[in-house]
C-alpha atoms as a PDB file:
ATOM      1  CA  GLN A   1      -0.045  -0.098   0.142  1.00  0.00           C
ATOM      2  CA  GLU A   2       1.226   3.411  -1.068  1.00  0.00           C
ATOM      3  CA  GLN A   3       2.172   5.739   2.028  1.00  0.00           C
ATOM      4  CA  LEU A   4       2.516   8.671  -0.200  1.00  0.00           C
ATOM      5  CA  VAL A   5       0.290   9.361  -3.423  1.00  0.00           C
ATOM      6  CA  GLU A   6       0.775  12.521  -5.754  1.00  0.00           C
ATOM      7  CA  SER A   7      -1.824  13.881  -7.987  1.00  0.00           C
ATOM      8  CA  GLY A   8      -2.457  16.507 -10.377  1.00  0.00           C
ATOM      9  CA  GLY A   9       0.088  16.278 -13.039  1.00  0.00           C
ATOM     10  CA  GLY A  10      -0.533  16.745 -16.560  1.00  0.00           C
ATOM     11  CA  LEU A  11      -0.202  18.441 -19.940  1.00  0.00           C
ATOM     12  CA  VAL A  12       0.108  22.115 -19.993  1.00  0.00           C
ATOM     13  CA  GLN A  13       1.108  25.024 -22.261  1.00  0.00           C
ATOM     14  CA  PRO A  14       4.106  27.241 -21.611  1.00  0.00           C
ATOM     15  CA  GLY A  15       3.047  29.735 -19.025  1.00  0.00           C
ATOM     16  CA  GLY A  16       0.295  27.705 -17.580  1.00  0.00           C
ATOM     17  CA  SER A  17      -0.323  26.372 -14.003  1.00  0.00           C
ATOM     18  CA  LEU A  18      -0.588  23.245 -12.169  1.00  0.00           C
ATOM     19  CA  ARG A  19      -1.278  22.203  -8.754  1.00  0.00           C
ATOM     20  CA  LEU A  20       0.041  18.794  -7.433  1.00  0.00           C
ATOM     21  CA  SER A  21      -1.085  17.223  -4.312  1.00  0.00           C
ATOM     22  CA  CYS A  22       0.607  14.722  -2.154  1.00  0.00           C
ATOM     23  CA  GLU A  23      -1.186  12.914   0.186  1.00  0.00           C
ATOM     24  CA  TYR A  24       0.447  11.148   3.038  1.00  0.00           C
ATOM     25  CA  PHE A  25      -1.220   8.315   4.809  1.00  0.00           C
ATOM     26  CA  ARG A  26       0.178   8.880   8.348  1.00  0.00           C
ATOM     27  CA  THR A  27      -1.448   9.013  11.810  1.00  0.00           C
ATOM     28  CA  VAL A  28       0.433  12.130  12.909  1.00  0.00           C
ATOM     29  CA  PHE A  29       0.954  13.946   9.478  1.00  0.00           C
ATOM     30  CA  ARG A  30       1.667  17.149  10.869  1.00  0.00           C
ATOM     31  CA  ILE A  31       4.992  16.236  12.440  1.00  0.00           C
ATOM     32  CA  TYR A  32       6.698  15.460   8.935  1.00  0.00           C
ATOM     33  CA  THR A  33       8.414  17.650   6.789  1.00  0.00           C
ATOM     34  CA  ILE A  34       7.475  17.007   3.238  1.00  0.00           C
ATOM     35  CA  ALA A  35       9.827  17.518   0.229  1.00  0.00           C
ATOM     36  CA  TRP A  36       8.805  17.646  -3.749  1.00  0.00           C
ATOM     37  CA  TYR A  37      11.558  16.332  -6.051  1.00  0.00           C
ATOM     38  CA  ARG A  38      11.544  16.186  -9.917  1.00  0.00           C
ATOM     39  CA  GLN A  39      13.177  13.855 -12.399  1.00  0.00           C
ATOM     40  CA  ALA A  40      13.509  14.916 -16.224  1.00  0.00           C
ATOM     41  CA  PRO A  41      14.657  12.336 -18.688  1.00  0.00           C
ATOM     42  CA  GLY A  42      18.314  11.758 -18.681  1.00  0.00           C
ATOM     43  CA  LYS A  43      18.807  13.898 -15.495  1.00  0.00           C
ATOM     44  CA  GLN A  44      19.426  13.310 -11.945  1.00  0.00           C
ATOM     45  CA  ARG A  45      16.599  13.629  -9.349  1.00  0.00           C
ATOM     46  CA  GLU A  46      16.534  17.083  -8.067  1.00  0.00           C
ATOM     47  CA  LEU A  47      14.936  18.764  -4.887  1.00  0.00           C
ATOM     48  CA  VAL A  48      12.437  21.165  -5.658  1.00  0.00           C
ATOM     49  CA  ALA A  49      10.847  22.563  -2.499  1.00  0.00           C
ATOM     50  CA  THR A  50      10.379  21.513   1.116  1.00  0.00           C
ATOM     51  CA  ILE A  51       7.845  22.306   3.723  1.00  0.00           C
ATOM     52  CA  THR A  52       8.467  21.618   7.764  1.00  0.00           C
ATOM     53  CA  SER A  53       5.996  20.960  10.290  1.00  0.00           C
ATOM     54  CA  THR A  54       5.934  24.344  11.169  1.00  0.00           C
ATOM     55  CA  GLY A  55       5.311  25.750   7.857  1.00  0.00           C
ATOM     56  CA  THR A  56       8.998  26.875   6.802  1.00  0.00           C
ATOM     57  CA  THR A  57       9.628  26.602   3.188  1.00  0.00           C
ATOM     58  CA  ASN A  58      12.426  26.253   1.102  1.00  0.00           C
ATOM     59  CA  TYR A  59      12.928  26.215  -2.964  1.00  0.00           C
ATOM     60  CA  THR A  60      15.465  25.340  -5.296  1.00  0.00           C
ATOM     61  CA  ASP A  61      16.491  28.768  -7.237  1.00  0.00           C
ATOM     62  CA  SER A  62      15.034  27.867 -10.683  1.00  0.00           C
ATOM     63  CA  VAL A  63      11.528  27.852  -9.119  1.00  0.00           C
ATOM     64  CA  LYS A  64      11.709  30.611  -6.599  1.00  0.00           C
ATOM     65  CA  GLY A  65       8.708  33.080  -7.414  1.00  0.00           C
ATOM     66  CA  ARG A  66       7.118  30.650  -9.427  1.00  0.00           C
ATOM     67  CA  PHE A  67       6.303  27.588  -7.344  1.00  0.00           C
ATOM     68  CA  THR A  68       4.544  27.796  -3.859  1.00  0.00           C
ATOM     69  CA  ILE A  69       4.472  24.830  -1.555  1.00  0.00           C
ATOM     70  CA  SER A  70       1.927  24.632   1.248  1.00  0.00           C
ATOM     71  CA  ARG A  71       0.088  22.035   3.626  1.00  0.00           C
ATOM     72  CA  GLU A  72      -3.086  21.165   5.186  1.00  0.00           C
ATOM     73  CA  ASN A  73      -2.677  18.913   8.262  1.00  0.00           C
ATOM     74  CA  TRP A  74      -6.168  18.239   8.282  1.00  0.00           C
ATOM     75  CA  ALA A  75      -6.342  16.706   5.083  1.00  0.00           C
ATOM     76  CA  ASN A  76      -2.874  14.897   5.460  1.00  0.00           C
ATOM     77  CA  THR A  77      -1.931  16.874   2.285  1.00  0.00           C
ATOM     78  CA  VAL A  78       1.086  18.967   0.820  1.00  0.00           C
ATOM     79  CA  TYR A  79       0.343  20.945  -2.212  1.00  0.00           C
ATOM     80  CA  LEU A  80       2.788  22.565  -4.843  1.00  0.00           C
ATOM     81  CA  GLN A  81       1.128  25.406  -7.053  1.00  0.00           C
ATOM     82  CA  MET A  82       3.249  25.811 -10.229  1.00  0.00           C
ATOM     83  CA  ASN A  83       2.587  28.795 -12.096  1.00  0.00           C
ATOM     84  CA  SER A  84       4.403  30.224 -15.169  1.00  0.00           C
ATOM     85  CA  LEU A  85       5.690  26.676 -16.179  1.00  0.00           C
ATOM     86  CA  GLN A  86       8.350  26.293 -18.763  1.00  0.00           C
ATOM     87  CA  PRO A  87       9.338  23.384 -20.912  1.00  0.00           C
ATOM     88  CA  GLU A  88      12.277  22.845 -18.704  1.00  0.00           C
ATOM     89  CA  ASP A  89       9.915  22.085 -15.807  1.00  0.00           C
ATOM     90  CA  THR A  90       8.881  18.861 -17.472  1.00  0.00           C
ATOM     91  CA  ALA A  91       9.594  16.115 -15.313  1.00  0.00           C
ATOM     92  CA  VAL A  92       8.130  13.059 -13.137  1.00  0.00           C
ATOM     93  CA  TYR A  93       7.366  15.004  -9.750  1.00  0.00           C
ATOM     94  CA  TYR A  94       7.739  12.878  -6.624  1.00  0.00           C
ATOM     95  CA  CYS A  95       6.682  13.331  -3.095  1.00  0.00           C
ATOM     96  CA  ASN A  96       8.876  12.503  -0.270  1.00  0.00           C
ATOM     97  CA  ALA A  97       8.898  12.264   3.540  1.00  0.00           C
ATOM     98  CA  PRO A  98      13.182  12.470   4.629  1.00  0.00           C
ATOM     99  CA  LEU A  99      12.273  11.300   8.072  1.00  0.00           C
ATOM    100  CA  THR A 100      10.743   8.004   6.821  1.00  0.00           C
ATOM    101  CA  GLN A 101      12.132   7.874   3.363  1.00  0.00           C
ATOM    102  CA  ASP A 102       8.552   7.192   1.973  1.00  0.00           C
ATOM    103  CA  TRP A 103       8.400   8.089  -1.643  1.00  0.00           C
ATOM    104  CA  GLY A 104       5.185   8.460  -3.878  1.00  0.00           C
ATOM    105  CA  PRO A 105       5.114   6.808  -7.373  1.00  0.00           C
ATOM    106  CA  GLY A 106       5.222  10.258  -9.199  1.00  0.00           C
ATOM    107  CA  THR A 107       3.146  12.261 -11.365  1.00  0.00           C
ATOM    108  CA  GLN A 108       4.177  13.324 -14.854  1.00  0.00           C
ATOM    109  CA  VAL A 109       4.080  17.061 -15.480  1.00  0.00           C
ATOM    110  CA  THR A 110       4.764  17.804 -19.070  1.00  0.00           C
ATOM    111  CA  VAL A 111       4.897  21.423 -20.588  1.00  0.00           C
ATOM    112  CA  SER A 112       4.623  21.822 -24.187  1.00  0.00           C
ATOM    113  CA  SER A 113       2.955  23.699 -26.719  1.00  0.00           C
END
């Protein structure tokens, strides 16, 4: 059974937006830092954004000002709002809980005209 499940990926035109969701099936979800990673074809997996249990966020430089990570503890869910998407954002996006090293199966994001 998957502990982490991502959703919300799809095909979008350059300049468009998507919102990814990561649902984590843990009893005390609120204590976990959650991270979003992505992996483009032929490239290494890279860290995109993190959010701690207290709501502190961090982003990789290439997405600052365009992506926003947030969480709703009552829903056991972390979101990644992605705006001004560019072709170089095309990747499989993964959700991760660093404390437990749980990973989701990933969701594909494709930015293309």
